[in-house]
């Protein structure tokens, strides 16, 4: 089992807080960090766009990743929300074990960082 770092953008702080609180309560993620004030520049439907957004960072496990992505999509206001997952390759072992426990896993199953 490995720990995952999940990057999500939300329309605003309230949406990020609502999504973060819900997925932590459901134990799909161990914790959520909310970083307001992001400016995003992107092309959408053939048009260059710029928007103020809030970044939501979730910590979960590989085992919980698919249900977490599905749940974030169901709670999100965007048609195509940014949800990107990155494997954690190194970190405080105690924290990584905590993430595993909080998402219903066995810390003994935690893979050694690469």
N, C-alpha and C. Protein backbone atom coordinates (compact mmCIF):
# COMPACT_ATOMS: atom_id res chain seq x y z
N UNK A 1 0.86 -1.18 0.00
CA UNK A 1 0.00 0.00 0.00
C UNK A 1 0.90 1.23 0.00
N UNK A 2 0.53 2.22 -0.80
CA UNK A 2 1.30 3.45 -0.81
C UNK A 2 0.38 4.65 -0.57
N UNK A 3 0.99 5.73 -0.11
CA UNK A 3 0.26 6.96 0.19
C UNK A 3 0.25 7.82 -1.07
N UNK A 4 -0.87 8.53 -1.28
CA UNK A 4 -1.05 9.37 -2.45
C UNK A 4 -1.31 10.81 -2.03
N UNK A 5 -0.80 11.73 -2.81
CA UNK A 5 -0.99 13.16 -2.67
C UNK A 5 -1.95 13.56 -3.79
N UNK A 6 -3.13 14.06 -3.46
CA UNK A 6 -4.15 14.34 -4.47
C UNK A 6 -4.39 15.85 -4.54
N UNK A 7 -4.16 16.41 -5.73
CA UNK A 7 -4.30 17.84 -6.00
C UNK A 7 -5.65 18.07 -6.67
N UNK A 8 -6.44 18.99 -6.11
CA UNK A 8 -7.77 19.31 -6.64
C UNK A 8 -7.88 20.83 -6.68
N UNK A 9 -8.51 21.38 -7.73
CA UNK A 9 -8.86 22.80 -7.70
C UNK A 9 -10.37 22.91 -7.53
N UNK A 10 -10.77 23.94 -6.78
CA UNK A 10 -12.19 24.18 -6.51
C UNK A 10 -12.53 25.62 -6.87
N UNK A 11 -13.80 25.88 -7.08
CA UNK A 11 -14.26 27.21 -7.48
C UNK A 11 -13.95 28.27 -6.42
N UNK A 12 -14.02 27.88 -5.15
CA UNK A 12 -13.75 28.83 -4.07
C UNK A 12 -13.47 28.07 -2.78
N UNK A 13 -13.16 28.83 -1.73
CA UNK A 13 -12.84 28.21 -0.45
C UNK A 13 -13.96 27.42 0.17
N UNK A 14 -15.19 27.88 0.00
CA UNK A 14 -16.33 27.16 0.56
C UNK A 14 -16.49 25.79 -0.09
N UNK A 15 -16.34 25.74 -1.42
CA UNK A 15 -16.45 24.44 -2.09
C UNK A 15 -15.32 23.52 -1.66
N UNK A 16 -14.11 24.05 -1.58
CA UNK A 16 -12.97 23.24 -1.16
C UNK A 16 -13.19 22.71 0.26
N UNK A 17 -13.68 23.55 1.14
CA UNK A 17 -13.94 23.13 2.53
C UNK A 17 -15.03 22.07 2.59
N UNK A 18 -16.09 22.25 1.81
CA UNK A 18 -17.19 21.28 1.80
C UNK A 18 -16.71 19.92 1.30
N UNK A 19 -15.95 19.92 0.21
CA UNK A 19 -15.43 18.67 -0.34
C UNK A 19 -14.44 18.04 0.63
N UNK A 20 -13.50 18.84 1.14
CA UNK A 20 -12.49 18.32 2.06
C UNK A 20 -13.11 17.72 3.30
N UNK A 21 -14.04 18.43 3.90
CA UNK A 21 -14.70 17.93 5.11
C UNK A 21 -15.42 16.60 4.84
N UNK A 22 -16.12 16.53 3.71
CA UNK A 22 -16.91 15.33 3.39
C UNK A 22 -16.00 14.11 3.19
N UNK A 23 -14.93 14.26 2.41
CA UNK A 23 -14.09 13.09 2.13
C UNK A 23 -13.28 12.65 3.35
N UNK A 24 -12.97 13.59 4.24
CA UNK A 24 -12.29 13.21 5.49
C UNK A 24 -13.28 12.51 6.41
N UNK A 25 -14.50 13.04 6.53
CA UNK A 25 -15.52 12.38 7.36
C UNK A 25 -15.80 10.97 6.87
N UNK A 26 -15.77 10.77 5.56
CA UNK A 26 -16.03 9.45 4.98
C UNK A 26 -14.79 8.56 4.97
N UNK A 27 -13.68 9.07 5.49
CA UNK A 27 -12.40 8.36 5.58
C UNK A 27 -11.84 7.95 4.22
N UNK A 28 -12.20 8.72 3.20
CA UNK A 28 -11.60 8.52 1.88
C UNK A 28 -10.25 9.21 1.82
N UNK A 29 -10.07 10.21 2.67
CA UNK A 29 -8.80 10.93 2.80
C UNK A 29 -8.51 11.11 4.28
N UNK A 30 -7.24 11.14 4.63
CA UNK A 30 -6.85 11.33 6.02
C UNK A 30 -6.95 12.80 6.43
N UNK A 31 -6.63 13.70 5.51
CA UNK A 31 -6.70 15.11 5.81
C UNK A 31 -6.81 15.91 4.51
N UNK A 32 -7.19 17.16 4.68
CA UNK A 32 -7.35 18.08 3.55
C UNK A 32 -6.66 19.39 3.91
N UNK A 33 -5.91 19.93 2.97
CA UNK A 33 -5.31 21.26 3.11
C UNK A 33 -5.95 22.17 2.07
N UNK A 34 -6.33 23.37 2.49
CA UNK A 34 -7.00 24.31 1.60
C UNK A 34 -6.10 25.53 1.44
N UNK A 35 -5.78 25.82 0.18
CA UNK A 35 -4.88 26.92 -0.15
C UNK A 35 -5.63 27.91 -1.04
N UNK A 36 -6.12 29.01 -0.48
CA UNK A 36 -6.89 29.97 -1.29
C UNK A 36 -5.97 30.83 -2.16
N UNK A 37 -6.58 31.50 -3.11
CA UNK A 37 -5.88 32.52 -3.86
C UNK A 37 -5.12 32.05 -5.09
N UNK A 38 -5.44 30.90 -5.64
CA UNK A 38 -4.77 30.43 -6.85
C UNK A 38 -5.38 31.12 -8.07
N UNK A 39 -4.53 31.46 -9.02
CA UNK A 39 -4.99 31.95 -10.31
C UNK A 39 -4.70 30.88 -11.33
N UNK A 40 -5.71 30.44 -12.04
CA UNK A 40 -5.56 29.39 -13.04
C UNK A 40 -5.78 29.98 -14.43
N UNK A 41 -4.91 29.61 -15.36
CA UNK A 41 -5.02 30.02 -16.76
C UNK A 41 -5.10 28.74 -17.57
N UNK A 42 -6.14 28.62 -18.40
CA UNK A 42 -6.39 27.37 -19.10
C UNK A 42 -7.26 27.62 -20.33
N UNK A 43 -7.25 26.68 -21.25
CA UNK A 43 -8.16 26.72 -22.39
C UNK A 43 -9.35 25.83 -22.08
N UNK A 44 -10.55 26.36 -22.27
CA UNK A 44 -11.76 25.58 -22.05
C UNK A 44 -12.71 25.85 -23.20
N UNK A 45 -13.10 24.78 -23.88
CA UNK A 45 -14.01 24.86 -25.01
C UNK A 45 -13.50 25.86 -26.05
N UNK A 46 -12.19 25.79 -26.30
CA UNK A 46 -11.55 26.59 -27.34
C UNK A 46 -11.27 28.03 -26.99
N UNK A 47 -11.46 28.40 -25.74
CA UNK A 47 -11.27 29.79 -25.33
C UNK A 47 -10.29 29.87 -24.16
N UNK A 48 -9.37 30.83 -24.22
CA UNK A 48 -8.43 31.05 -23.13
C UNK A 48 -9.17 31.66 -21.95
N UNK A 49 -9.04 31.03 -20.79
CA UNK A 49 -9.75 31.47 -19.59
C UNK A 49 -8.76 31.78 -18.47
N UNK A 50 -9.18 32.62 -17.56
CA UNK A 50 -8.43 32.88 -16.33
C UNK A 50 -9.44 32.92 -15.20
N UNK A 51 -9.13 32.21 -14.11
CA UNK A 51 -10.08 32.13 -13.00
C UNK A 51 -9.36 32.11 -11.66
N UNK A 52 -10.01 32.67 -10.65
CA UNK A 52 -9.54 32.53 -9.27
C UNK A 52 -10.09 31.21 -8.76
N UNK A 53 -9.23 30.42 -8.15
CA UNK A 53 -9.64 29.12 -7.62
C UNK A 53 -8.99 28.91 -6.26
N UNK A 54 -9.40 27.85 -5.61
CA UNK A 54 -8.81 27.42 -4.35
C UNK A 54 -8.25 26.03 -4.56
N UNK A 55 -7.04 25.81 -4.07
CA UNK A 55 -6.40 24.49 -4.18
C UNK A 55 -6.76 23.67 -2.96
N UNK A 56 -7.12 22.43 -3.21
CA UNK A 56 -7.44 21.46 -2.16
C UNK A 56 -6.46 20.31 -2.32
N UNK A 57 -5.71 20.02 -1.28
CA UNK A 57 -4.76 18.90 -1.29
C UNK A 57 -5.26 17.85 -0.32
N UNK A 58 -5.38 16.63 -0.81
CA UNK A 58 -5.87 15.52 0.00
C UNK A 58 -4.79 14.46 0.13
N UNK A 59 -4.70 13.84 1.30
CA UNK A 59 -3.77 12.73 1.52
C UNK A 59 -4.58 11.48 1.71
N UNK A 60 -4.26 10.47 0.91
CA UNK A 60 -5.00 9.21 0.95
C UNK A 60 -4.06 8.07 0.63
N UNK A 61 -4.63 6.90 0.40
CA UNK A 61 -3.83 5.74 -0.01
C UNK A 61 -4.24 5.31 -1.41
N UNK A 62 -3.37 4.55 -2.02
CA UNK A 62 -3.66 4.04 -3.36
C UNK A 62 -4.97 3.25 -3.36
N UNK A 63 -5.22 2.52 -2.30
CA UNK A 63 -6.43 1.70 -2.18
C UNK A 63 -7.69 2.55 -2.19
N UNK A 64 -7.62 3.75 -1.63
CA UNK A 64 -8.79 4.62 -1.54
C UNK A 64 -8.89 5.63 -2.69
N UNK A 65 -7.91 5.62 -3.59
CA UNK A 65 -7.85 6.64 -4.63
C UNK A 65 -9.06 6.65 -5.55
N UNK A 66 -9.44 5.51 -6.07
CA UNK A 66 -10.58 5.47 -7.01
C UNK A 66 -11.88 5.95 -6.35
N UNK A 67 -12.22 5.44 -5.14
CA UNK A 67 -13.44 5.96 -4.51
C UNK A 67 -13.33 7.44 -4.17
N UNK A 68 -12.14 7.91 -3.80
CA UNK A 68 -11.96 9.33 -3.50
C UNK A 68 -12.21 10.18 -4.74
N UNK A 69 -11.64 9.79 -5.86
CA UNK A 69 -11.84 10.55 -7.11
C UNK A 69 -13.33 10.59 -7.46
N UNK A 70 -14.00 9.46 -7.37
CA UNK A 70 -15.43 9.42 -7.67
C UNK A 70 -16.23 10.33 -6.76
N UNK A 71 -15.89 10.34 -5.48
CA UNK A 71 -16.63 11.16 -4.52
C UNK A 71 -16.38 12.64 -4.76
N UNK A 72 -15.12 13.01 -5.01
CA UNK A 72 -14.82 14.42 -5.30
C UNK A 72 -15.59 14.87 -6.54
N UNK A 73 -15.61 14.04 -7.57
CA UNK A 73 -16.36 14.39 -8.79
C UNK A 73 -17.84 14.60 -8.48
N UNK A 74 -18.41 13.76 -7.63
CA UNK A 74 -19.84 13.88 -7.32
C UNK A 74 -20.15 15.12 -6.49
N UNK A 75 -19.20 15.61 -5.73
CA UNK A 75 -19.41 16.78 -4.87
C UNK A 75 -19.03 18.10 -5.56
N UNK A 76 -18.30 18.02 -6.65
CA UNK A 76 -17.70 19.20 -7.30
C UNK A 76 -18.69 19.91 -8.21
N UNK A 77 -18.54 21.22 -8.32
CA UNK A 77 -19.42 22.02 -9.18
C UNK A 77 -18.99 22.03 -10.64
N UNK A 78 -17.74 21.66 -10.92
CA UNK A 78 -17.24 21.71 -12.29
C UNK A 78 -17.67 20.47 -13.07
N UNK A 79 -17.86 20.63 -14.39
CA UNK A 79 -18.15 19.50 -15.26
C UNK A 79 -16.94 18.57 -15.37
N UNK A 80 -15.75 19.17 -15.35
CA UNK A 80 -14.50 18.40 -15.52
C UNK A 80 -13.48 18.89 -14.50
N UNK A 81 -13.64 18.51 -13.22
CA UNK A 81 -12.74 19.03 -12.18
C UNK A 81 -11.32 18.49 -12.31
N UNK A 82 -10.38 19.33 -11.94
CA UNK A 82 -8.97 18.91 -11.87
C UNK A 82 -8.81 18.05 -10.62
N UNK A 83 -8.46 16.80 -10.83
CA UNK A 83 -8.15 15.88 -9.73
C UNK A 83 -6.94 15.09 -10.21
N UNK A 84 -5.79 15.32 -9.60
CA UNK A 84 -4.56 14.66 -10.01
C UNK A 84 -3.90 14.00 -8.81
N UNK A 85 -3.46 12.78 -8.98
CA UNK A 85 -2.86 12.04 -7.88
C UNK A 85 -1.40 11.75 -8.17
N UNK A 86 -0.60 11.93 -7.15
CA UNK A 86 0.82 11.66 -7.24
C UNK A 86 1.22 10.72 -6.11
N UNK A 87 2.04 9.72 -6.39
CA UNK A 87 2.48 8.85 -5.31
C UNK A 87 3.49 9.58 -4.42
N UNK A 88 3.38 9.35 -3.14
CA UNK A 88 4.36 9.90 -2.19
C UNK A 88 5.56 8.95 -2.20
N UNK A 89 6.73 9.48 -2.52
CA UNK A 89 7.91 8.63 -2.61
C UNK A 89 8.80 8.72 -1.38
N UNK A 90 8.56 9.70 -0.52
CA UNK A 90 9.36 9.84 0.68
C UNK A 90 8.59 10.70 1.66
N UNK A 91 8.84 10.52 2.95
CA UNK A 91 8.17 11.34 3.94
C UNK A 91 8.39 10.82 5.34
N UNK A 92 7.80 11.50 6.29
CA UNK A 92 7.85 11.10 7.69
C UNK A 92 7.05 9.80 7.83
N UNK A 93 7.73 8.74 8.16
CA UNK A 93 7.09 7.41 8.23
C UNK A 93 5.90 7.43 9.20
N UNK A 94 6.04 8.12 10.33
CA UNK A 94 4.94 8.19 11.30
C UNK A 94 3.70 8.84 10.67
N UNK A 95 3.91 9.91 9.89
CA UNK A 95 2.78 10.58 9.23
C UNK A 95 2.17 9.67 8.18
N UNK A 96 3.00 9.01 7.38
CA UNK A 96 2.49 8.13 6.34
C UNK A 96 1.68 6.98 6.94
N UNK A 97 2.14 6.44 8.05
CA UNK A 97 1.38 5.39 8.73
C UNK A 97 0.05 5.93 9.24
N UNK A 98 0.04 7.17 9.73
CA UNK A 98 -1.19 7.80 10.19
C UNK A 98 -2.20 7.91 9.05
N UNK A 99 -1.73 8.33 7.86
CA UNK A 99 -2.61 8.43 6.70
C UNK A 99 -3.25 7.07 6.41
N UNK A 100 -2.44 6.02 6.46
CA UNK A 100 -2.95 4.67 6.19
C UNK A 100 -4.01 4.29 7.23
N UNK A 101 -3.72 4.53 8.51
CA UNK A 101 -4.69 4.20 9.57
C UNK A 101 -5.99 4.99 9.41
N UNK A 102 -5.89 6.28 9.11
CA UNK A 102 -7.08 7.13 8.99
C UNK A 102 -7.99 6.73 7.84
N UNK A 103 -7.43 6.07 6.85
CA UNK A 103 -8.23 5.65 5.70
C UNK A 103 -8.58 4.16 5.79
N UNK A 104 -8.45 3.60 6.99
CA UNK A 104 -8.91 2.23 7.23
C UNK A 104 -7.93 1.15 6.84
N UNK A 105 -6.68 1.51 6.62
CA UNK A 105 -5.69 0.51 6.23
C UNK A 105 -4.82 0.07 7.39
N UNK A 106 -3.98 -0.90 7.13
CA UNK A 106 -3.04 -1.44 8.10
C UNK A 106 -1.67 -0.85 7.82
N UNK A 107 -1.11 -0.06 8.74
CA UNK A 107 0.19 0.56 8.51
C UNK A 107 1.30 -0.45 8.22
N UNK A 108 1.12 -1.70 8.63
CA UNK A 108 2.12 -2.73 8.33
C UNK A 108 2.19 -3.01 6.83
N UNK A 109 1.14 -2.64 6.11
CA UNK A 109 1.09 -2.85 4.65
C UNK A 109 1.73 -1.70 3.88
N UNK A 110 2.19 -0.65 4.59
CA UNK A 110 2.77 0.52 3.94
C UNK A 110 4.06 0.13 3.23
N UNK A 111 4.13 0.45 1.97
CA UNK A 111 5.33 0.17 1.19
C UNK A 111 6.43 1.12 1.61
N UNK A 112 7.64 0.65 1.56
CA UNK A 112 8.78 1.52 1.84
C UNK A 112 8.89 2.55 0.73
N UNK A 113 9.16 3.83 1.09
CA UNK A 113 9.33 4.85 0.05
C UNK A 113 10.42 4.44 -0.92
N UNK A 114 10.25 4.88 -2.15
CA UNK A 114 11.22 4.55 -3.22
C UNK A 114 12.53 5.23 -2.95
